PDB file of N, CA and C in Angstrom:
ATOM      1  N   UNK A   1      25.117  57.082  40.996  1.00  0.00           N
ATOM      2  CA  UNK A   1      25.737  56.552  39.798  1.00  0.00           C
ATOM      3  C   UNK A   1      26.219  55.122  40.095  1.00  0.00           C
ATOM      4  N   UNK A   2      25.929  54.231  39.194  1.00  0.00           N
ATOM      5  CA  UNK A   2      26.326  52.841  39.400  1.00  0.00           C
ATOM      6  C   UNK A   2      27.825  52.661  39.130  1.00  0.00           C
ATOM      7  N   UNK A   3      28.378  51.565  39.636  1.00  0.00           N
ATOM      8  CA  UNK A   3      29.788  51.265  39.432  1.00  0.00           C
ATOM      9  C   UNK A   3      30.047  51.021  37.944  1.00  0.00           C
ATOM     10  N   UNK A   4      31.109  51.632  37.466  1.00  0.00           N
ATOM     11  CA  UNK A   4      31.444  51.515  36.053  1.00  0.00           C
ATOM     12  C   UNK A   4      32.412  50.360  35.832  1.00  0.00           C
ATOM     13  N   UNK A   5      32.131  49.565  34.848  1.00  0.00           N
ATOM     14  CA  UNK A   5      32.956  48.394  34.538  1.00  0.00           C
ATOM     15  C   UNK A   5      34.071  48.733  33.543  1.00  0.00           C
ATOM     16  N   UNK A   6      33.786  49.621  32.606  1.00  0.00           N
ATOM     17  CA  UNK A   6      34.719  49.882  31.508  1.00  0.00           C
ATOM     18  C   UNK A   6      35.385  51.254  31.558  1.00  0.00           C
ATOM     19  N   UNK A   7      34.938  52.122  32.440  1.00  0.00           N
ATOM     20  CA  UNK A   7      35.434  53.493  32.474  1.00  0.00           C
ATOM     21  C   UNK A   7      36.064  53.777  33.831  1.00  0.00           C
ATOM     22  N   UNK A   8      37.209  54.462  33.800  1.00  0.00           N
ATOM     23  CA  UNK A   8      37.855  54.874  35.036  1.00  0.00           C
ATOM     24  C   UNK A   8      38.493  56.236  34.833  1.00  0.00           C
ATOM     25  N   UNK A   9      38.922  56.821  35.932  1.00  0.00           N
ATOM     26  CA  UNK A   9      39.589  58.116  35.897  1.00  0.00           C
ATOM     27  C   UNK A   9      40.785  58.060  36.835  1.00  0.00           C
ATOM     28  N   UNK A  10      41.947  58.425  36.319  1.00  0.00           N
ATOM     29  CA  UNK A  10      43.185  58.409  37.095  1.00  0.00           C
ATOM     30  C   UNK A  10      43.967  59.664  36.720  1.00  0.00           C
ATOM     31  N   UNK A  11      44.324  60.464  37.706  1.00  0.00           N
ATOM     32  CA  UNK A  11      45.022  61.730  37.434  1.00  0.00           C
ATOM     33  C   UNK A  11      46.329  61.518  36.676  1.00  0.00           C
ATOM     34  N   UNK A  12      46.880  60.322  36.749  1.00  0.00           N
ATOM     35  CA  UNK A  12      48.142  60.028  36.070  1.00  0.00           C
ATOM     36  C   UNK A  12      47.938  59.661  34.597  1.00  0.00           C
ATOM     37  N   UNK A  13      46.692  59.440  34.205  1.00  0.00           N
ATOM     38  CA  UNK A  13      46.381  59.058  32.823  1.00  0.00           C
ATOM     39  C   UNK A  13      45.468  60.114  32.215  1.00  0.00           C
ATOM     40  N   UNK A  14      45.935  60.745  31.162  1.00  0.00           N
ATOM     41  CA  UNK A  14      45.155  61.752  30.428  1.00  0.00           C
ATOM     42  C   UNK A  14      44.658  62.867  31.356  1.00  0.00           C
ATOM     43  N   UNK A  15      45.438  63.189  32.365  1.00  0.00           N
ATOM     44  CA  UNK A  15      45.079  64.282  33.266  1.00  0.00           C
ATOM     45  C   UNK A  15      43.821  64.046  34.082  1.00  0.00           C
ATOM     46  N   UNK A  16      43.415  62.796  34.207  1.00  0.00           N
ATOM     47  CA  UNK A  16      42.234  62.467  34.995  1.00  0.00           C
ATOM     48  C   UNK A  16      40.938  62.419  34.210  1.00  0.00           C
ATOM     49  N   UNK A  17      41.017  62.647  32.891  1.00  0.00           N
ATOM     50  CA  UNK A  17      39.802  62.527  32.074  1.00  0.00           C
ATOM     51  C   UNK A  17      39.289  61.099  32.157  1.00  0.00           C
ATOM     52  N   UNK A  18      37.980  60.911  32.195  1.00  0.00           N
ATOM     53  CA  UNK A  18      37.458  59.545  32.144  1.00  0.00           C
ATOM     54  C   UNK A  18      37.905  58.867  30.851  1.00  0.00           C
ATOM     55  N   UNK A  19      38.504  57.689  31.003  1.00  0.00           N
ATOM     56  CA  UNK A  19      38.995  56.896  29.870  1.00  0.00           C
ATOM     57  C   UNK A  19      38.476  55.476  30.010  1.00  0.00           C
ATOM     58  N   UNK A  20      38.521  54.774  28.920  1.00  0.00           N
ATOM     59  CA  UNK A  20      38.165  53.357  28.967  1.00  0.00           C
ATOM     60  C   UNK A  20      39.334  52.608  29.612  1.00  0.00           C
ATOM     61  N   UNK A  21      39.002  51.767  30.571  1.00  0.00           N
ATOM     62  CA  UNK A  21      40.028  51.051  31.347  1.00  0.00           C
ATOM     63  C   UNK A  21      41.044  50.360  30.437  1.00  0.00           C
ATOM     64  N   UNK A  22      42.307  50.492  30.831  1.00  0.00           N
ATOM     65  CA  UNK A  22      43.378  49.827  30.102  1.00  0.00           C
ATOM     66  C   UNK A  22      43.757  50.509  28.806  1.00  0.00           C
ATOM     67  N   UNK A  23      43.180  51.693  28.547  1.00  0.00           N
ATOM     68  CA  UNK A  23      43.487  52.426  27.322  1.00  0.00           C
ATOM     69  C   UNK A  23      43.747  53.885  27.673  1.00  0.00           C
ATOM     70  N   UNK A  24      44.136  54.641  26.682  1.00  0.00           N
ATOM     71  CA  UNK A  24      44.214  56.098  26.802  1.00  0.00           C
ATOM     72  C   UNK A  24      43.170  56.723  25.876  1.00  0.00           C
ATOM     73  N   UNK A  25      42.085  56.000  25.686  1.00  0.00           N
ATOM     74  CA  UNK A  25      40.975  56.489  24.866  1.00  0.00           C
ATOM     75  C   UNK A  25      40.004  57.214  25.794  1.00  0.00           C
ATOM     76  N   UNK A  26      39.919  58.531  25.628  1.00  0.00           N
ATOM     77  CA  UNK A  26      39.019  59.321  26.465  1.00  0.00           C
ATOM     78  C   UNK A  26      37.564  59.081  26.063  1.00  0.00           C
ATOM     79  N   UNK A  27      36.719  58.974  27.053  1.00  0.00           N
ATOM     80  CA  UNK A  27      35.295  58.777  26.805  1.00  0.00           C
ATOM     81  C   UNK A  27      34.749  59.925  25.955  1.00  0.00           C
ATOM     82  N   UNK A  28      35.190  61.152  26.228  1.00  0.00           N
ATOM     83  CA  UNK A  28      34.678  62.299  25.469  1.00  0.00           C
ATOM     84  C   UNK A  28      35.053  62.208  23.992  1.00  0.00           C
ATOM     85  N   UNK A  29      36.183  61.598  23.668  1.00  0.00           N
ATOM     86  CA  UNK A  29      36.584  61.434  22.269  1.00  0.00           C
ATOM     87  C   UNK A  29      35.569  60.574  21.520  1.00  0.00           C
ATOM     88  N   UNK A  30      35.164  59.491  22.139  1.00  0.00           N
ATOM     89  CA  UNK A  30      34.199  58.583  21.518  1.00  0.00           C
ATOM     90  C   UNK A  30      32.820  59.234  21.439  1.00  0.00           C
ATOM     91  N   UNK A  31      32.396  59.882  22.527  1.00  0.00           N
ATOM     92  CA  UNK A  31      31.083  60.534  22.515  1.00  0.00           C
ATOM     93  C   UNK A  31      31.039  61.668  21.494  1.00  0.00           C
ATOM     94  N   UNK A  32      32.134  62.407  21.363  1.00  0.00           N
ATOM     95  CA  UNK A  32      32.178  63.472  20.353  1.00  0.00           C
ATOM     96  C   UNK A  32      32.087  62.905  18.946  1.00  0.00           C
ATOM     97  N   UNK A  33      32.755  61.792  18.693  1.00  0.00           N
ATOM     98  CA  UNK A  33      32.683  61.166  17.371  1.00  0.00           C
ATOM     99  C   UNK A  33      31.260  60.726  17.063  1.00  0.00           C
ATOM    100  N   UNK A  34      30.610  60.130  18.045  1.00  0.00           N
ATOM    101  CA  UNK A  34      29.230  59.682  17.837  1.00  0.00           C
ATOM    102  C   UNK A  34      28.290  60.867  17.628  1.00  0.00           C
ATOM    103  N   UNK A  35      28.484  61.927  18.405  1.00  0.00           N
ATOM    104  CA  UNK A  35      27.593  63.086  18.264  1.00  0.00           C
ATOM    105  C   UNK A  35      27.838  63.828  16.950  1.00  0.00           C
ATOM    106  N   UNK A  36      29.021  63.653  16.377  1.00  0.00           N
ATOM    107  CA  UNK A  36      29.328  64.282  15.085  1.00  0.00           C
ATOM    108  C   UNK A  36      28.784  63.482  13.916  1.00  0.00           C
ATOM    109  N   UNK A  37      28.225  62.305  14.209  1.00  0.00           N
ATOM    110  CA  UNK A  37      27.597  61.519  13.153  1.00  0.00           C
ATOM    111  C   UNK A  37      28.267  60.209  12.818  1.00  0.00           C
ATOM    112  N   UNK A  38      29.400  59.931  13.449  1.00  0.00           N
ATOM    113  CA  UNK A  38      30.029  58.625  13.201  1.00  0.00           C
ATOM    114  C   UNK A  38      29.132  57.520  13.748  1.00  0.00           C
ATOM    115  N   UNK A  39      29.087  56.412  13.060  1.00  0.00           N
ATOM    116  CA  UNK A  39      28.306  55.276  13.536  1.00  0.00           C
ATOM    117  C   UNK A  39      29.096  54.522  14.600  1.00  0.00           C
ATOM    118  N   UNK A  40      28.396  53.709  15.346  1.00  0.00           N
ATOM    119  CA  UNK A  40      29.067  52.861  16.339  1.00  0.00           C
ATOM    120  C   UNK A  40      30.084  51.963  15.639  1.00  0.00           C
ATOM    121  N   UNK A  41      29.706  51.411  14.500  1.00  0.00           N
ATOM    122  CA  UNK A  41      30.634  50.541  13.760  1.00  0.00           C
ATOM    123  C   UNK A  41      31.904  51.281  13.355  1.00  0.00           C
ATOM    124  N   UNK A  42      31.766  52.528  12.928  1.00  0.00           N
ATOM    125  CA  UNK A  42      32.938  53.321  12.549  1.00  0.00           C
ATOM    126  C   UNK A  42      33.842  53.559  13.755  1.00  0.00           C
ATOM    127  N   UNK A  43      33.243  53.913  14.882  1.00  0.00           N
ATOM    128  CA  UNK A  43      34.032  54.138  16.103  1.00  0.00           C
ATOM    129  C   UNK A  43      34.758  52.857  16.492  1.00  0.00           C
ATOM    130  N   UNK A  44      34.079  51.737  16.423  1.00  0.00           N
ATOM    131  CA  UNK A  44      34.706  50.465  16.799  1.00  0.00           C
ATOM    132  C   UNK A  44      35.837  50.096  15.845  1.00  0.00           C
ATOM    133  N   UNK A  45      35.728  50.479  14.580  1.00  0.00           N
ATOM    134  CA  UNK A  45      36.824  50.235  13.630  1.00  0.00           C
ATOM    135  C   UNK A  45      38.033  51.091  13.970  1.00  0.00           C
ATOM    136  N   UNK A  46      37.793  52.338  14.395  1.00  0.00           N
ATOM    137  CA  UNK A  46      38.891  53.234  14.751  1.00  0.00           C
ATOM    138  C   UNK A  46      39.525  52.866  16.099  1.00  0.00           C
ATOM    139  N   UNK A  47      38.745  52.277  16.977  1.00  0.00           N
ATOM    140  CA  UNK A  47      39.204  51.906  18.322  1.00  0.00           C
ATOM    141  C   UNK A  47      38.905  50.426  18.570  1.00  0.00           C
ATOM    142  N   UNK A  48      39.719  49.543  17.996  1.00  0.00           N
ATOM    143  CA  UNK A  48      39.428  48.104  18.082  1.00  0.00           C
ATOM    144  C   UNK A  48      39.486  47.522  19.501  1.00  0.00           C
ATOM    145  N   UNK A  49      40.031  48.277  20.465  1.00  0.00           N
ATOM    146  CA  UNK A  49      40.038  47.794  21.849  1.00  0.00           C
ATOM    147  C   UNK A  49      38.675  47.938  22.515  1.00  0.00           C
ATOM    148  N   UNK A  50      37.769  48.674  21.875  1.00  0.00           N
ATOM    149  CA  UNK A  50      36.452  48.919  22.457  1.00  0.00           C
ATOM    150  C   UNK A  50      35.405  47.961  21.891  1.00  0.00           C
ATOM    151  N   UNK A  51      34.334  47.809  22.644  1.00  0.00           N
ATOM    152  CA  UNK A  51      33.193  46.997  22.223  1.00  0.00           C
ATOM    153  C   UNK A  51      31.923  47.839  22.359  1.00  0.00           C
ATOM    154  N   UNK A  52      30.833  47.308  21.897  1.00  0.00           N
ATOM    155  CA  UNK A  52      29.566  48.024  22.059  1.00  0.00           C
ATOM    156  C   UNK A  52      29.234  48.216  23.539  1.00  0.00           C
ATOM    157  N   UNK A  53      29.678  47.323  24.385  1.00  0.00           N
ATOM    158  CA  UNK A  53      29.445  47.475  25.829  1.00  0.00           C
ATOM    159  C   UNK A  53      30.153  48.714  26.372  1.00  0.00           C
ATOM    160  N   UNK A  54      31.340  48.990  25.874  1.00  0.00           N
ATOM    161  CA  UNK A  54      32.056  50.208  26.275  1.00  0.00           C
ATOM    162  C   UNK A  54      31.244  51.441  25.891  1.00  0.00           C
ATOM    163  N   UNK A  55      30.732  51.441  24.679  1.00  0.00           N
ATOM    164  CA  UNK A  55      29.986  52.596  24.189  1.00  0.00           C
ATOM    165  C   UNK A  55      28.681  52.767  24.961  1.00  0.00           C
ATOM    166  N   UNK A  56      28.002  51.679  25.242  1.00  0.00           N
ATOM    167  CA  UNK A  56      26.763  51.763  26.030  1.00  0.00           C
ATOM    168  C   UNK A  56      27.047  52.367  27.404  1.00  0.00           C
ATOM    169  N   UNK A  57      28.152  51.941  28.018  1.00  0.00           N
ATOM    170  CA  UNK A  57      28.484  52.488  29.334  1.00  0.00           C
ATOM    171  C   UNK A  57      28.814  53.982  29.236  1.00  0.00           C
ATOM    172  N   UNK A  58      29.482  54.394  28.161  1.00  0.00           N
ATOM    173  CA  UNK A  58      29.777  55.816  27.959  1.00  0.00           C
ATOM    174  C   UNK A  58      28.493  56.619  27.832  1.00  0.00           C
ATOM    175  N   UNK A  59      27.527  56.110  27.079  1.00  0.00           N
ATOM    176  CA  UNK A  59      26.227  56.786  26.960  1.00  0.00           C
ATOM    177  C   UNK A  59      25.544  56.863  28.321  1.00  0.00           C
ATOM    178  N   UNK A  60      25.614  55.793  29.075  1.00  0.00           N
ATOM    179  CA  UNK A  60      25.004  55.783  30.406  1.00  0.00           C
ATOM    180  C   UNK A  60      25.662  56.786  31.334  1.00  0.00           C
ATOM    181  N   UNK A  61      26.989  56.883  31.282  1.00  0.00           N
ATOM    182  CA  UNK A  61      27.701  57.857  32.102  1.00  0.00           C
ATOM    183  C   UNK A  61      27.288  59.271  31.713  1.00  0.00           C
ATOM    184  N   UNK A  62      27.217  59.540  30.416  1.00  0.00           N
ATOM    185  CA  UNK A  62      26.804  60.865  29.951  1.00  0.00           C
ATOM    186  C   UNK A  62      25.390  61.193  30.442  1.00  0.00           C
ATOM    187  N   UNK A  63      24.503  60.238  30.376  1.00  0.00           N
ATOM    188  CA  UNK A  63      23.136  60.453  30.847  1.00  0.00           C
ATOM    189  C   UNK A  63      23.109  60.713  32.351  1.00  0.00           C
ATOM    190  N   UNK A  64      23.882  59.948  33.108  1.00  0.00           N
ATOM    191  CA  UNK A  64      23.956  60.155  34.557  1.00  0.00           C
ATOM    192  C   UNK A  64      24.499  61.542  34.885  1.00  0.00           C
ATOM    193  N   UNK A  65      25.514  61.983  34.171  1.00  0.00           N
ATOM    194  CA  UNK A  65      26.100  63.292  34.438  1.00  0.00           C
ATOM    195  C   UNK A  65      25.127  64.421  34.096  1.00  0.00           C
ATOM    196  N   UNK A  66      24.350  64.239  33.049  1.00  0.00           N
ATOM    197  CA  UNK A  66      23.352  65.252  32.690  1.00  0.00           C
ATOM    198  C   UNK A  66      22.228  65.307  33.714  1.00  0.00           C
ATOM    199  N   UNK A  67      21.976  64.210  34.397  1.00  0.00           N
ATOM    200  CA  UNK A  67      20.907  64.147  35.383  1.00  0.00           C
ATOM    201  C   UNK A  67      21.393  64.557  36.766  1.00  0.00           C
ATOM    202  N   UNK A  68      22.689  64.819  36.913  1.00  0.00           N
ATOM    203  CA  UNK A  68      23.277  65.097  38.225  1.00  0.00           C
ATOM    204  C   UNK A  68      22.691  66.342  38.863  1.00  0.00           C
ATOM    205  N   UNK A  69      22.522  67.384  38.108  1.00  0.00           N
ATOM    206  CA  UNK A  69      21.904  68.593  38.617  1.00  0.00           C
ATOM    207  C   UNK A  69      21.106  69.244  37.493  1.00  0.00           C
ATOM    208  N   UNK A  70      20.261  70.144  37.890  1.00  0.00           N
ATOM    209  CA  UNK A  70      19.425  70.804  36.886  1.00  0.00           C
ATOM    210  C   UNK A  70      20.296  71.593  35.920  1.00  0.00           C
ATOM    211  N   UNK A  71      20.055  71.409  34.659  1.00  0.00           N
ATOM    212  CA  UNK A  71      20.784  72.122  33.619  1.00  0.00           C
ATOM    213  C   UNK A  71      19.825  73.054  32.908  1.00  0.00           C
ATOM    214  N   UNK A  72      20.249  74.267  32.676  1.00  0.00           N
ATOM    215  CA  UNK A  72      19.454  75.208  31.912  1.00  0.00           C
ATOM    216  C   UNK A  72      20.046  75.253  30.512  1.00  0.00           C
ATOM    217  N   UNK A  73      19.231  74.905  29.535  1.00  0.00           N
ATOM    218  CA  UNK A  73      19.665  74.902  28.149  1.00  0.00           C
ATOM    219  C   UNK A  73      19.023  76.089  27.473  1.00  0.00           C
ATOM    220  N   UNK A  74      19.844  77.032  26.986  1.00  0.00           N
ATOM    221  CA  UNK A  74      19.271  78.227  26.369  1.00  0.00           C
ATOM    222  C   UNK A  74      18.447  77.891  25.134  1.00  0.00           C
ATOM    223  N   UNK A  75      17.384  78.639  24.952  1.00  0.00           N
ATOM    224  CA  UNK A  75      16.496  78.432  23.809  1.00  0.00           C
ATOM    225  C   UNK A  75      17.093  78.990  22.547  1.00  0.00           C
TER     226      UNK A  75
END
């Protein structure tokens, strides 16, 4: 996994959930909003501290985590 510029994890912040640096915005919150159908523009309006670069890095992290080990997805 490459070094992350916008995402960090600290046990003292949000219980260690990956968050966008300098915020208490959990990466999973943004990814859940996007997967529920919110547009990138809508997410950015709700979280003005974020940019499209933050979202791209979140997608990349999610992809890296899915590739970490073999996942069995039930049919």
